[in-house]
Amino acid sequence: MKTLYFIRHAKSSWKHDVIDQQRPLKTRGVNDAVMVSNLVATSMAMPDLIITSDALRATTTAHYFKQAFALKESSFVENADLYDFSGQNVIKLIKELDDTLNCVMLSGHNHGFTSVVNMLGSLTIENLPTCGFVAITFEIDQWSKIITGTTIKKIFPGDLK
């Protein structure tokens, strides 16, 4: 059995004159990241690894989950392949995961994440919102053989307010 956690980065700010990858979180994004990460950490199993896009907004969001789960630094990795908006690199990354990992959290971007959670999960999600969390389990023992799984949890900030 394998499990994937998807977290779309929290709400980012457009008011800074920086390249897209350097956009920081807005105050709302920080608040949502704290709220969702704490709920996820108290209701879901700890991931073996968090892999995040190297974009600042995704990395910052992922750090809140790392803190909430009290994960070691060695269980936190930045990967430029998750700075992907189509989902193709996300699927490739998943299929190449080390089979010793049973639960992996990915922090990244839309539209790629909405596409991937719909392709791999059992629920249709029209739009994975900022700081939206989705957990999907798979009846496989090798990531390279990933098929459609079962969506076991979704937590969206708007549902918690």
C-alpha atoms as a PDB file:
ATOM      1  CA  MET A   1       0.000   0.000   0.000  1.00  0.00           C
ATOM      2  CA  LYS A   2       1.270   3.462  -0.961  1.00  0.00           C
ATOM      3  CA  THR A   3      -0.146   6.860  -0.018  1.00  0.00           C
ATOM      4  CA  LEU A   4       0.286  10.259  -1.611  1.00  0.00           C
ATOM      5  CA  TYR A   5      -0.531  13.564   0.037  1.00  0.00           C
ATOM      6  CA  PHE A   6      -0.962  16.521  -2.284  1.00  0.00           C
ATOM      7  CA  ILE A   7      -0.822  20.064  -0.947  1.00  0.00           C
ATOM      8  CA  ARG A   8      -1.269  22.979  -3.288  1.00  0.00           C
ATOM      9  CA  HIS A   9       0.765  25.954  -2.105  1.00  0.00           C
ATOM     10  CA  ALA A  10      -1.060  28.458   0.079  1.00  0.00           C
ATOM     11  CA  LYS A  11      -2.287  31.826  -1.216  1.00  0.00           C
ATOM     12  CA  SER A  12       0.617  33.868  -2.551  1.00  0.00           C
ATOM     13  CA  SER A  13       1.139  37.572  -2.975  1.00  0.00           C
ATOM     14  CA  TRP A  14       1.345  39.370  -6.299  1.00  0.00           C
ATOM     15  CA  LYS A  15       2.340  42.728  -4.808  1.00  0.00           C
ATOM     16  CA  HIS A  16       6.097  42.077  -4.842  1.00  0.00           C
ATOM     17  CA  ASP A  17       8.170  42.809  -7.916  1.00  0.00           C
ATOM     18  CA  VAL A  18       9.764  39.365  -8.144  1.00  0.00           C
ATOM     19  CA  ILE A  19       9.850  36.509 -10.635  1.00  0.00           C
ATOM     20  CA  ASP A  20       7.061  33.944 -10.291  1.00  0.00           C
ATOM     21  CA  GLN A  21       9.216  31.435  -8.403  1.00  0.00           C
ATOM     22  CA  GLN A  22      10.017  34.018  -5.725  1.00  0.00           C
ATOM     23  CA  ARG A  23       6.457  35.088  -4.859  1.00  0.00           C
ATOM     24  CA  PRO A  24       5.927  34.838  -1.067  1.00  0.00           C
ATOM     25  CA  LEU A  25       2.771  33.869   0.815  1.00  0.00           C
ATOM     26  CA  LYS A  26       0.148  36.435   1.713  1.00  0.00           C
ATOM     27  CA  THR A  27      -0.951  36.698   5.341  1.00  0.00           C
ATOM     28  CA  ARG A  28      -4.044  34.659   4.431  1.00  0.00           C
ATOM     29  CA  GLY A  29      -1.763  31.999   2.952  1.00  0.00           C
ATOM     30  CA  VAL A  30       0.287  31.781   6.134  1.00  0.00           C
ATOM     31  CA  ASN A  31      -2.869  31.498   8.255  1.00  0.00           C
ATOM     32  CA  ASP A  32      -4.308  28.785   5.986  1.00  0.00           C
ATOM     33  CA  ALA A  33      -1.012  26.866   5.954  1.00  0.00           C
ATOM     34  CA  VAL A  34      -0.853  26.861   9.763  1.00  0.00           C
ATOM     35  CA  MET A  35      -4.512  25.811  10.074  1.00  0.00           C
ATOM     36  CA  VAL A  36      -4.440  23.042   7.447  1.00  0.00           C
ATOM     37  CA  SER A  37      -1.011  21.669   8.399  1.00  0.00           C
ATOM     38  CA  ASN A  38      -1.999  21.358  12.064  1.00  0.00           C
ATOM     39  CA  LEU A  39      -5.242  19.571  11.173  1.00  0.00           C
ATOM     40  CA  VAL A  40      -3.497  17.224   8.741  1.00  0.00           C
ATOM     41  CA  ALA A  41      -0.747  16.422  11.252  1.00  0.00           C
ATOM     42  CA  THR A  42      -3.316  15.449  13.897  1.00  0.00           C
ATOM     43  CA  SER A  43      -5.537  13.417  11.573  1.00  0.00           C
ATOM     44  CA  MET A  44      -3.201  11.720   9.081  1.00  0.00           C
ATOM     45  CA  ALA A  45      -0.166   9.460   9.265  1.00  0.00           C
ATOM     46  CA  MET A  46       3.216  11.149   9.125  1.00  0.00           C
ATOM     47  CA  PRO A  47       4.710  11.125   5.625  1.00  0.00           C
ATOM     48  CA  ASP A  48       8.059   9.458   5.105  1.00  0.00           C
ATOM     49  CA  LEU A  49       9.115  12.364   2.910  1.00  0.00           C
ATOM     50  CA  ILE A  50       7.915  15.786   1.808  1.00  0.00           C
ATOM     51  CA  ILE A  51       8.936  16.831  -1.690  1.00  0.00           C
ATOM     52  CA  THR A  52       8.221  20.425  -2.632  1.00  0.00           C
ATOM     53  CA  SER A  53       8.501  22.587  -5.685  1.00  0.00           C
ATOM     54  CA  ASP A  54      11.423  24.964  -5.375  1.00  0.00           C
ATOM     55  CA  ALA A  55       9.090  27.965  -5.775  1.00  0.00           C
ATOM     56  CA  LEU A  56       9.107  30.039  -2.578  1.00  0.00           C
ATOM     57  CA  ARG A  57       5.315  29.824  -2.055  1.00  0.00           C
ATOM     58  CA  ALA A  58       5.354  26.009  -2.285  1.00  0.00           C
ATOM     59  CA  THR A  59       8.470  25.607  -0.156  1.00  0.00           C
ATOM     60  CA  THR A  60       7.106  27.915   2.537  1.00  0.00           C
ATOM     61  CA  THR A  61       3.795  26.027   2.575  1.00  0.00           C
ATOM     62  CA  ALA A  62       5.610  22.697   2.810  1.00  0.00           C
ATOM     63  CA  HIS A  63       7.679  23.963   5.744  1.00  0.00           C
ATOM     64  CA  TYR A  64       4.493  24.463   7.774  1.00  0.00           C
ATOM     65  CA  PHE A  65       3.655  20.777   7.209  1.00  0.00           C
ATOM     66  CA  LYS A  66       7.212  19.753   8.066  1.00  0.00           C
ATOM     67  CA  GLN A  67       6.900  21.647  11.363  1.00  0.00           C
ATOM     68  CA  ALA A  68       3.425  20.303  12.125  1.00  0.00           C
ATOM     69  CA  PHE A  69       4.618  16.709  11.613  1.00  0.00           C
ATOM     70  CA  ALA A  70       7.960  17.429  13.336  1.00  0.00           C
ATOM     71  CA  LEU A  71       9.808  15.878  10.399  1.00  0.00           C
ATOM     72  CA  LYS A  72      13.573  15.858  10.275  1.00  0.00           C
ATOM     73  CA  GLU A  73      15.372  18.001   7.712  1.00  0.00           C
ATOM     74  CA  SER A  74      16.454  14.829   5.905  1.00  0.00           C
ATOM     75  CA  SER A  75      12.769  14.080   5.207  1.00  0.00           C
ATOM     76  CA  PHE A  76      12.282  17.363   3.339  1.00  0.00           C
ATOM     77  CA  VAL A  77      13.424  17.826  -0.265  1.00  0.00           C
ATOM     78  CA  GLU A  78      13.059  20.591  -2.849  1.00  0.00           C
ATOM     79  CA  ASN A  79      12.630  19.413  -6.425  1.00  0.00           C
ATOM     80  CA  ALA A  80      12.407  21.783  -9.403  1.00  0.00           C
ATOM     81  CA  ASP A  81      10.377  19.169 -11.309  1.00  0.00           C
ATOM     82  CA  LEU A  82       7.378  20.024  -9.112  1.00  0.00           C
ATOM     83  CA  TYR A  83       7.377  23.565 -10.512  1.00  0.00           C
ATOM     84  CA  ASP A  84       5.014  22.050 -13.070  1.00  0.00           C
ATOM     85  CA  PHE A  85       1.634  23.303 -14.177  1.00  0.00           C
ATOM     86  CA  SER A  86       0.619  20.451 -16.514  1.00  0.00           C
ATOM     87  CA  GLY A  87       1.116  17.510 -14.151  1.00  0.00           C
ATOM     88  CA  GLN A  88       3.410  15.551 -16.477  1.00  0.00           C
ATOM     89  CA  ASN A  89       6.503  16.097 -14.334  1.00  0.00           C
ATOM     90  CA  VAL A  90       4.484  15.305 -11.197  1.00  0.00           C
ATOM     91  CA  ILE A  91       3.479  11.888 -12.568  1.00  0.00           C
ATOM     92  CA  LYS A  92       7.047  11.194 -13.693  1.00  0.00           C
ATOM     93  CA  LEU A  93       8.376  12.101 -10.229  1.00  0.00           C
ATOM     94  CA  ILE A  94       5.803   9.825  -8.540  1.00  0.00           C
ATOM     95  CA  LYS A  95       6.688   6.867 -10.770  1.00  0.00           C
ATOM     96  CA  GLU A  96      10.370   7.330  -9.881  1.00  0.00           C
ATOM     97  CA  LEU A  97       9.887   7.428  -6.085  1.00  0.00           C
ATOM     98  CA  ASP A  98      11.933   4.999  -4.019  1.00  0.00           C
ATOM     99  CA  ASP A  99       9.775   1.969  -3.220  1.00  0.00           C
ATOM    100  CA  THR A 100      10.940   2.006   0.405  1.00  0.00           C
ATOM    101  CA  LEU A 101       8.774   5.141   0.827  1.00  0.00           C
ATOM    102  CA  ASN A 102       5.171   4.324   1.660  1.00  0.00           C
ATOM    103  CA  CYS A 103       3.737   7.784   2.296  1.00  0.00           C
ATOM    104  CA  VAL A 104       4.926  10.869   0.417  1.00  0.00           C
ATOM    105  CA  MET A 105       3.663  14.450   0.521  1.00  0.00           C
ATOM    106  CA  LEU A 106       4.034  16.608  -2.576  1.00  0.00           C
ATOM    107  CA  SER A 107       3.763  20.405  -2.435  1.00  0.00           C
ATOM    108  CA  GLY A 108       3.193  22.159  -5.727  1.00  0.00           C
ATOM    109  CA  HIS A 109       0.986  24.032  -8.139  1.00  0.00           C
ATOM    110  CA  ASN A 110      -2.187  24.120 -10.172  1.00  0.00           C
ATOM    111  CA  HIS A 111      -3.382  23.228 -12.785  1.00  0.00           C
ATOM    112  CA  GLY A 112      -1.065  20.271 -12.544  1.00  0.00           C
ATOM    113  CA  PHE A 113      -2.156  19.164  -9.074  1.00  0.00           C
ATOM    114  CA  THR A 114      -5.877  19.331  -9.859  1.00  0.00           C
ATOM    115  CA  SER A 115      -5.256  17.223 -12.969  1.00  0.00           C
ATOM    116  CA  VAL A 116      -3.159  14.667 -11.092  1.00  0.00           C
ATOM    117  CA  VAL A 117      -5.541  14.244  -8.120  1.00  0.00           C
ATOM    118  CA  ASN A 118      -8.392  13.706 -10.581  1.00  0.00           C
ATOM    119  CA  MET A 119      -6.399  11.269 -12.673  1.00  0.00           C
ATOM    120  CA  LEU A 120      -5.132   9.245  -9.694  1.00  0.00           C
ATOM    121  CA  GLY A 121      -7.938   9.648  -7.166  1.00  0.00           C
ATOM    122  CA  SER A 122     -11.473   8.320  -6.861  1.00  0.00           C
ATOM    123  CA  LEU A 123     -13.174  11.710  -6.409  1.00  0.00           C
ATOM    124  CA  THR A 124     -13.618  14.455  -8.960  1.00  0.00           C
ATOM    125  CA  ILE A 125     -12.237  17.706  -7.606  1.00  0.00           C
ATOM    126  CA  GLU A 126     -13.133  20.666  -9.790  1.00  0.00           C
ATOM    127  CA  ASN A 127     -10.313  22.807  -8.456  1.00  0.00           C
ATOM    128  CA  LEU A 128      -7.745  22.060  -5.778  1.00  0.00           C
ATOM    129  CA  PRO A 129      -7.767  25.400  -3.928  1.00  0.00           C
ATOM    130  CA  THR A 130      -4.740  27.125  -2.478  1.00  0.00           C
ATOM    131  CA  CYS A 131      -3.584  25.184   0.581  1.00  0.00           C
ATOM    132  CA  GLY A 132      -5.957  22.385  -0.389  1.00  0.00           C
ATOM    133  CA  PHE A 133      -4.909  18.933   0.839  1.00  0.00           C
ATOM    134  CA  VAL A 134      -5.810  15.604  -0.777  1.00  0.00           C
ATOM    135  CA  ALA A 135      -4.743  12.110   0.342  1.00  0.00           C
ATOM    136  CA  ILE A 136      -4.927   9.137  -2.029  1.00  0.00           C
ATOM    137  CA  THR A 137      -4.056   5.510  -1.244  1.00  0.00           C
ATOM    138  CA  PHE A 138      -2.958   2.930  -3.794  1.00  0.00           C
ATOM    139  CA  GLU A 139      -3.023  -0.872  -3.688  1.00  0.00           C
ATOM    140  CA  ILE A 140       0.502  -1.181  -5.068  1.00  0.00           C
ATOM    141  CA  ASP A 141       3.955  -1.886  -3.697  1.00  0.00           C
ATOM    142  CA  GLN A 142       5.951  -0.157  -6.446  1.00  0.00           C
ATOM    143  CA  TRP A 143       5.485   3.484  -7.369  1.00  0.00           C
ATOM    144  CA  SER A 144       6.277   2.724 -11.005  1.00  0.00           C
ATOM    145  CA  LYS A 145       3.031   0.725 -11.153  1.00  0.00           C
ATOM    146  CA  ILE A 146       0.824   3.549  -9.914  1.00  0.00           C
ATOM    147  CA  ILE A 147      -2.799   3.262 -10.954  1.00  0.00           C
ATOM    148  CA  THR A 148      -6.019   4.906  -9.872  1.00  0.00           C
ATOM    149  CA  GLY A 149      -6.295   4.883  -6.108  1.00  0.00           C
ATOM    150  CA  THR A 150      -8.845   5.805  -3.469  1.00  0.00           C
ATOM    151  CA  THR A 151      -9.190   9.391  -2.304  1.00  0.00           C
ATOM    152  CA  ILE A 152      -9.363   9.033   1.477  1.00  0.00           C
ATOM    153  CA  LYS A 153      -9.298  12.647   2.645  1.00  0.00           C
ATOM    154  CA  LYS A 154      -9.608  16.184   1.381  1.00  0.00           C
ATOM    155  CA  ILE A 155      -9.184  19.279   3.502  1.00  0.00           C
ATOM    156  CA  PHE A 156      -9.795  22.700   1.980  1.00  0.00           C
ATOM    157  CA  PRO A 157      -9.259  25.919   3.969  1.00  0.00           C
ATOM    158  CA  GLY A 158     -12.656  27.285   2.929  1.00  0.00           C
ATOM    159  CA  ASP A 159     -14.369  24.295   4.562  1.00  0.00           C
ATOM    160  CA  LEU A 160     -12.686  25.096   7.895  1.00  0.00           C
ATOM    161  CA  LYS A 161     -13.737  28.722   8.216  1.00  0.00           C
END
